[in-house]
């Protein structure tokens, strides 16, 4: 081998060694960064679970593990359980969470069926299954930042001391965030498509639901605070703005909006503007749901008939507008009582 050839071979060998060394350094650096990120993620999980525990919500998880090397973080958890200070408990078959290495604050969750909840103080319990349940959650320091959840083909059964029900739907969505321009306000959106109340065979039509709610001072829920605690923090009067609550039965629909207050005893007070679209068809849908001896339907029918001449066109549908008042859960139109909405939570526990 000539001197020039030997020099060229030596140069090639050096370049090869340098390339291998660079690869080893990059891999070692990336591995170190991944394992450091894994420790940060584990710390954040502990931080959030600890924060929830301090706020009265205990979360436990079997076989918690973090994997996904080298480009993702994948958190696996089986048999997720929760318990709050009032004895309400929930469980989930399992949960998988995935985040990219360069953005660990944005996590995609997939929940495994079934789920259950029990609220002993109200004598209530429920179970739920689904095809798929996924959520996108953005974390902020000490709390959740935004939550977007979609459940396909949910089926649920519930019961309490007074009633029971079974339902299914094509899809349910929930979106939670702090309201733009107000970090202390919780804003929520929810929709349910093709809801069928299987425990009410008299109701043949499927239902479409959508809602938009703003809770002043409610952002603490994203940090694990429950509703009773939030009401207490707000001196026993938590403001709730119902931007929209709409229920549709084919062409018929009921929508409501207004300002409410959740009182210290869990009851609602405030005023709502209620709109009945195609009221006659709506009454035909609702009539079979009322027991023959119940006079409530006759009262509602009388009110609707008296206001029919005042109907206006809304999206091409004749609609009646009603002012509805709530006083500690008691519902009335003018001086006529329509019934009572049960408290959202029980006190004295």
Protein backbone atom coordinates (compact mmCIF):
# COMPACT_ATOMS: atom_id res chain seq x y z
CA UNK A 1 0.00 0.00 0.00
CA UNK A 2 1.41 3.39 -0.98
CA UNK A 3 1.91 6.18 1.50
CA UNK A 4 -0.99 8.19 -0.02
CA UNK A 5 -3.32 5.19 0.17
CA UNK A 6 -2.37 4.54 3.79
CA UNK A 7 -3.05 8.17 4.70
CA UNK A 8 -6.48 8.02 2.98
CA UNK A 9 -7.42 4.83 4.81
CA UNK A 10 -6.36 6.33 8.12
CA UNK A 11 -8.51 9.43 7.41
CA UNK A 12 -11.53 7.29 6.55
CA UNK A 13 -11.11 5.30 9.75
CA UNK A 14 -10.93 8.47 11.80
CA UNK A 15 -14.11 9.84 10.17
CA UNK A 16 -15.87 6.54 10.85
CA UNK A 17 -14.80 6.62 14.50
CA UNK A 18 -15.94 10.25 14.80
CA UNK A 19 -19.33 9.39 13.26
CA UNK A 20 -19.80 6.44 15.62
CA UNK A 21 -18.76 8.62 18.55
CA UNK A 22 -21.24 11.33 17.54
CA UNK A 23 -24.03 8.77 17.26
CA UNK A 24 -23.16 7.36 20.69
CA UNK A 25 -23.15 10.86 22.19
CA UNK A 26 -26.51 11.75 20.59
CA UNK A 27 -28.09 8.47 21.70
CA UNK A 28 -26.70 8.86 25.21
CA UNK A 29 -27.87 12.47 25.36
CA UNK A 30 -31.32 11.60 24.04
CA UNK A 31 -31.61 8.68 26.46
CA UNK A 32 -30.60 10.91 29.34
CA UNK A 33 -33.13 13.53 28.28
CA UNK A 34 -35.86 10.88 27.95
CA UNK A 35 -35.22 9.44 31.40
CA UNK A 36 -35.05 12.94 32.87
CA UNK A 37 -38.38 13.74 31.20
CA UNK A 38 -39.78 10.49 32.56
CA UNK A 39 -38.81 11.56 36.08
CA UNK A 40 -40.43 14.97 35.53
CA UNK A 41 -43.61 13.29 34.29
CA UNK A 42 -43.69 10.94 37.28
CA UNK A 43 -43.18 13.96 39.54
CA UNK A 44 -46.04 15.82 37.86
CA UNK A 45 -48.34 12.83 38.25
CA UNK A 46 -47.50 12.70 41.95
CA UNK A 47 -47.96 16.48 42.20
CA UNK A 48 -51.43 16.45 40.63
CA UNK A 49 -52.57 13.42 42.60
CA UNK A 50 -51.25 15.03 45.78
CA UNK A 51 -53.06 18.28 44.98
CA UNK A 52 -56.30 16.41 44.43
CA UNK A 53 -55.78 14.53 47.71
CA UNK A 54 -55.32 17.80 49.58
CA UNK A 55 -58.59 18.96 48.04
CA UNK A 56 -60.36 15.84 49.27
CA UNK A 57 -60.15 13.62 46.17
CA UNK A 58 -58.11 10.43 46.56
CA UNK A 59 -56.94 8.74 43.35
CA UNK A 60 -55.37 5.28 43.28
CA UNK A 61 -54.04 3.31 40.35
CA UNK A 62 -52.83 -0.30 40.08
CA UNK A 63 -49.72 -1.23 38.07
CA UNK A 64 -48.78 2.36 37.22
CA UNK A 65 -45.97 2.34 34.65
CA UNK A 66 -44.29 4.85 32.32
CA UNK A 67 -42.82 3.55 29.04
CA UNK A 68 -42.57 4.68 25.40
CA UNK A 69 -38.81 5.16 24.92
CA UNK A 70 -37.44 6.80 22.81
CA UNK A 71 -39.96 9.26 21.32
CA UNK A 72 -43.02 9.12 23.57
CA UNK A 73 -44.12 8.82 27.15
CA UNK A 74 -46.80 6.18 27.66
CA UNK A 75 -48.45 5.87 31.06
CA UNK A 76 -50.38 2.68 31.81
CA UNK A 77 -52.77 2.27 34.70
CA UNK A 78 -55.16 -0.54 35.55
CA UNK A 79 -58.13 -0.33 37.88
CA UNK A 80 -58.23 3.42 38.46
CA UNK A 81 -60.25 4.29 41.59
CA UNK A 82 -61.33 7.55 43.21
CA UNK A 83 -62.81 8.48 46.59
CA UNK A 84 -63.75 11.95 47.83
CA UNK A 85 -64.17 13.21 51.36
CA UNK A 86 -67.95 12.65 51.25
CA UNK A 87 -67.61 8.97 50.43
CA UNK A 88 -68.43 9.21 46.73
CA UNK A 89 -66.44 6.62 44.81
CA UNK A 90 -65.66 5.91 41.18
CA UNK A 91 -63.75 3.27 39.25
CA UNK A 92 -62.44 2.75 35.74
CA UNK A 93 -61.27 -0.45 34.05
CA UNK A 94 -58.00 1.16 33.03
CA UNK A 95 -56.40 4.12 31.34
CA UNK A 96 -53.59 4.66 28.82
CA UNK A 97 -51.96 8.06 28.39
CA UNK A 98 -49.52 9.11 25.66
CA UNK A 99 -47.44 12.30 25.35
CA UNK A 100 -44.67 13.22 22.92
CA UNK A 101 -41.20 13.74 24.37
CA UNK A 102 -41.03 17.38 23.24
CA UNK A 103 -44.51 18.24 24.61
CA UNK A 104 -45.18 16.28 27.83
CA UNK A 105 -47.80 18.83 28.97
CA UNK A 106 -50.27 17.66 26.30
CA UNK A 107 -51.51 14.14 26.98
CA UNK A 108 -53.88 11.91 25.01
CA UNK A 109 -55.88 9.52 27.21
CA UNK A 110 -57.85 6.39 26.33
CA UNK A 111 -60.13 4.95 28.99
CA UNK A 112 -61.01 1.28 29.24
CA UNK A 113 -64.55 0.19 30.12
CA UNK A 114 -66.35 -0.34 32.37
CA UNK A 115 -66.78 2.61 34.72
CA UNK A 116 -68.85 2.92 37.87
CA UNK A 117 -69.78 5.60 40.38
CA UNK A 118 -71.44 5.46 43.79
CA UNK A 119 -72.71 8.41 45.86
CA UNK A 120 -73.85 6.88 49.16
CA UNK A 121 -75.14 10.10 50.66
CA UNK A 122 -77.68 10.32 47.83
CA UNK A 123 -78.26 6.60 47.52
CA UNK A 124 -77.14 6.85 43.90
CA UNK A 125 -75.07 4.50 41.78
CA UNK A 126 -74.32 4.02 38.11
CA UNK A 127 -72.41 1.92 35.61
CA UNK A 128 -71.22 2.74 32.11
CA UNK A 129 -69.64 1.01 29.12
CA UNK A 130 -68.57 2.28 25.68
CA UNK A 131 -66.79 1.39 22.45
CA UNK A 132 -64.04 4.01 22.68
CA UNK A 133 -63.40 6.86 25.12
CA UNK A 134 -60.59 9.30 24.40
CA UNK A 135 -59.56 12.63 25.85
CA UNK A 136 -57.02 15.32 25.06
CA UNK A 137 -55.79 17.04 28.23
CA UNK A 138 -53.41 19.99 28.47
CA UNK A 139 -51.81 20.37 31.88
CA UNK A 140 -50.93 23.60 33.63
CA UNK A 141 -48.96 24.10 36.83
CA UNK A 142 -50.96 22.59 39.68
CA UNK A 143 -54.11 21.91 37.65
CA UNK A 144 -55.57 20.81 34.34
CA UNK A 145 -55.49 23.44 31.61
CA UNK A 146 -58.07 22.15 29.12
CA UNK A 147 -59.98 18.90 28.64
CA UNK A 148 -61.58 17.58 25.45
CA UNK A 149 -63.26 14.17 25.73
CA UNK A 150 -65.22 12.07 23.23
CA UNK A 151 -67.07 8.83 24.02
CA UNK A 152 -68.42 6.64 21.22
CA UNK A 153 -71.48 4.44 21.78
CA UNK A 154 -71.88 5.02 25.51
CA UNK A 155 -74.38 2.88 27.43
CA UNK A 156 -75.24 3.61 31.05
CA UNK A 157 -77.55 2.58 33.86
CA UNK A 158 -78.15 4.54 37.06
CA UNK A 159 -80.39 4.48 40.08
CA UNK A 160 -81.05 6.48 43.23
CA UNK A 161 -83.56 6.40 46.04
CA UNK A 162 -86.34 7.75 43.80
CA UNK A 163 -85.72 6.59 40.24
CA UNK A 164 -83.62 4.56 37.86
CA UNK A 165 -82.76 4.77 34.20
CA UNK A 166 -80.95 3.16 31.29
CA UNK A 167 -79.74 5.04 28.24
CA UNK A 168 -77.54 4.75 25.19
CA UNK A 169 -76.25 7.27 22.66
CA UNK A 170 -74.19 7.46 19.49
CA UNK A 171 -71.66 9.93 20.89
CA UNK A 172 -71.03 12.17 23.88
CA UNK A 173 -68.54 15.04 24.04
CA UNK A 174 -67.31 17.20 26.91
CA UNK A 175 -64.97 20.19 26.65
CA UNK A 176 -63.63 22.09 29.68
CA UNK A 177 -61.32 25.08 29.84
CA UNK A 178 -60.71 28.32 31.65
CA UNK A 179 -62.68 31.05 29.89
CA UNK A 180 -60.65 33.34 27.62
CA UNK A 181 -59.78 36.49 29.53
CA UNK A 182 -60.77 35.06 32.93
CA UNK A 183 -58.51 32.45 34.54
CA UNK A 184 -60.93 31.97 37.45
CA UNK A 185 -63.94 31.11 35.26
CA UNK A 186 -64.56 27.51 34.21
CA UNK A 187 -66.22 27.13 30.82
CA UNK A 188 -67.81 23.87 29.77
CA UNK A 189 -69.44 22.53 26.61
CA UNK A 190 -71.27 19.20 26.29
CA UNK A 191 -73.19 17.43 23.53
CA UNK A 192 -74.95 14.09 23.29
CA UNK A 193 -76.02 12.72 19.91
CA UNK A 194 -78.98 10.36 19.41
CA UNK A 195 -79.69 9.79 23.09
CA UNK A 196 -82.23 7.04 23.74
CA UNK A 197 -83.84 6.62 27.16
CA UNK A 198 -84.34 2.86 27.14
CA UNK A 199 -86.04 2.92 30.53
CA UNK A 200 -88.78 5.17 29.06
CA UNK A 201 -90.22 3.16 26.16
CA UNK A 202 -92.98 5.76 25.85
CA UNK A 203 -90.38 8.17 24.48
CA UNK A 204 -89.85 6.85 20.98
CA UNK A 205 -87.74 9.66 19.53
CA UNK A 206 -84.01 10.03 20.11
CA UNK A 207 -82.81 13.20 21.78
CA UNK A 208 -80.07 15.64 20.85
CA UNK A 209 -78.52 17.59 23.73
CA UNK A 210 -76.05 20.45 23.81
CA UNK A 211 -75.02 22.84 26.54
CA UNK A 212 -72.64 25.69 27.30
CA UNK A 213 -71.99 26.74 30.91
CA UNK A 214 -69.71 29.29 32.57
CA UNK A 215 -68.95 29.10 36.31
CA UNK A 216 -67.40 32.20 37.85
CA UNK A 217 -64.76 31.06 40.31
CA UNK A 218 -65.14 27.49 39.06
CA UNK A 219 -61.62 27.01 37.67
CA UNK A 220 -60.72 25.24 40.92
CA UNK A 221 -62.54 22.18 39.57
CA UNK A 222 -59.62 21.70 37.18
CA UNK A 223 -57.41 21.35 40.26
CA UNK A 224 -59.67 18.74 41.87
CA UNK A 225 -62.04 20.88 43.95
CA UNK A 226 -65.56 19.48 44.18
CA UNK A 227 -68.75 21.53 43.81
CA UNK A 228 -69.64 21.78 47.53
CA UNK A 229 -66.16 23.10 48.32
CA UNK A 230 -66.38 25.67 45.52
CA UNK A 231 -69.75 26.87 46.82
CA UNK A 232 -68.33 27.19 50.33
CA UNK A 233 -65.31 29.14 49.04
CA UNK A 234 -67.71 31.52 47.28
CA UNK A 235 -69.60 32.28 50.53
CA UNK A 236 -72.45 29.88 49.75
CA UNK A 237 -73.41 31.42 46.39
CA UNK A 238 -71.56 30.13 43.32
CA UNK A 239 -72.56 32.06 40.14
CA UNK A 240 -73.37 29.92 37.10
CA UNK A 241 -74.16 31.35 33.69
CA UNK A 242 -76.18 28.99 31.54
CA UNK A 243 -75.24 30.25 28.10
CA UNK A 244 -77.29 27.52 26.42
CA UNK A 245 -79.06 24.28 27.27
CA UNK A 246 -80.93 22.79 24.33
CA UNK A 247 -82.84 19.55 23.96
CA UNK A 248 -84.20 18.58 20.54
CA UNK A 249 -86.84 15.98 19.63
CA UNK A 250 -86.95 16.04 15.83
CA UNK A 251 -88.30 19.49 14.92
CA UNK A 252 -89.36 20.19 18.50
CA UNK A 253 -86.89 21.65 20.95
CA UNK A 254 -86.54 23.22 24.37
CA UNK A 255 -83.76 25.71 25.01
CA UNK A 256 -82.85 27.74 28.07
CA UNK A 257 -80.35 30.40 29.07
CA UNK A 258 -79.89 32.65 32.08
CA UNK A 259 -78.01 33.36 35.28
CA UNK A 260 -78.19 30.98 38.22
CA UNK A 261 -76.61 30.58 41.65
CA UNK A 262 -75.71 27.31 43.37
CA UNK A 263 -76.68 27.86 47.02
CA UNK A 264 -74.92 26.49 50.08
CA UNK A 265 -77.55 23.74 50.41
CA UNK A 266 -76.98 22.56 46.82
CA UNK A 267 -80.17 24.10 45.42
CA UNK A 268 -80.41 26.38 42.39
CA UNK A 269 -81.81 29.89 42.29
CA UNK A 270 -82.08 32.41 39.47
CA UNK A 271 -84.00 33.11 36.28
CA UNK A 272 -84.06 31.38 32.91
CA UNK A 273 -85.34 32.38 29.51
CA UNK A 274 -86.93 29.21 28.12
CA UNK A 275 -87.90 28.79 24.48
CA UNK A 276 -90.28 26.05 23.30
CA UNK A 277 -89.97 25.29 19.61
CA UNK A 278 -93.03 23.65 17.98
CA UNK A 279 -94.70 23.46 21.38
CA UNK A 280 -97.68 21.37 20.25
CA UNK A 281 -95.46 18.57 18.90
CA UNK A 282 -93.35 18.84 22.04
CA UNK A 283 -96.39 18.33 24.26
CA UNK A 284 -97.36 15.26 22.23
CA UNK A 285 -93.88 13.81 22.88
CA UNK A 286 -93.90 14.57 26.61
CA UNK A 287 -97.47 13.63 27.52
CA UNK A 288 -96.90 9.85 27.81
CA UNK A 289 -94.12 10.52 30.34
CA UNK A 290 -96.47 11.97 32.97
CA UNK A 291 -98.52 9.66 35.23
CA UNK A 292 -102.29 9.98 34.68
CA UNK A 293 -102.82 11.32 38.20
CA UNK A 294 -100.06 13.93 37.90
CA UNK A 295 -101.48 17.43 37.35
CA UNK A 296 -98.15 18.89 36.24
CA UNK A 297 -98.75 18.15 32.57
CA UNK A 298 -102.15 19.87 32.63
CA UNK A 299 -100.52 22.96 34.13
CA UNK A 300 -97.79 22.98 31.48
CA UNK A 301 -100.32 22.40 28.69
CA UNK A 302 -102.47 25.28 29.95
CA UNK A 303 -99.50 27.65 30.05
CA UNK A 304 -98.39 26.65 26.55
CA UNK A 305 -101.87 27.01 25.07
CA UNK A 306 -102.32 30.44 26.63
CA UNK A 307 -99.02 31.63 25.15
CA UNK A 308 -99.41 30.06 21.70
CA UNK A 309 -100.69 33.36 20.16
CA UNK A 310 -97.40 35.01 21.19
CA UNK A 311 -95.25 32.50 19.28
CA UNK A 312 -92.53 33.90 17.03
CA UNK A 313 -90.49 32.30 14.27
CA UNK A 314 -87.06 31.01 15.38
CA UNK A 315 -85.11 29.25 12.61
CA UNK A 316 -88.40 28.70 10.81
CA UNK A 317 -90.08 27.05 13.82
CA UNK A 318 -92.93 28.73 15.78
CA UNK A 319 -91.52 29.23 19.27
CA UNK A 320 -92.86 30.33 22.64
CA UNK A 321 -90.68 32.16 25.11
CA UNK A 322 -91.20 31.69 28.85
CA UNK A 323 -89.58 33.42 31.82
CA UNK A 324 -88.88 30.72 34.42
CA UNK A 325 -87.86 31.45 38.01
CA UNK A 326 -85.96 29.12 40.34
CA UNK A 327 -86.02 29.71 44.07
CA UNK A 328 -83.92 27.21 46.03
CA UNK A 329 -84.85 24.49 43.57
CA UNK A 330 -88.55 25.40 43.26
CA UNK A 331 -89.49 26.09 39.63
CA UNK A 332 -92.31 28.37 38.60
CA UNK A 333 -93.65 30.37 35.67
CA UNK A 334 -95.12 33.55 37.09
CA UNK A 335 -97.07 32.39 40.14
CA UNK A 336 -97.62 28.87 38.80
CA UNK A 337 -95.37 26.17 40.35
CA UNK A 338 -93.97 23.58 37.94
CA UNK A 339 -92.05 21.34 40.32
CA UNK A 340 -88.72 21.13 42.06
CA UNK A 341 -85.14 20.46 40.94
CA UNK A 342 -83.34 18.28 43.53
CA UNK A 343 -80.20 19.72 45.19
CA UNK A 344 -76.98 19.16 43.26
CA UNK A 345 -75.35 17.88 46.44
CA UNK A 346 -76.24 17.07 50.03
CA UNK A 347 -74.98 19.08 52.98
CA UNK A 348 -74.07 18.00 56.47
CA UNK A 349 -71.41 15.48 55.46
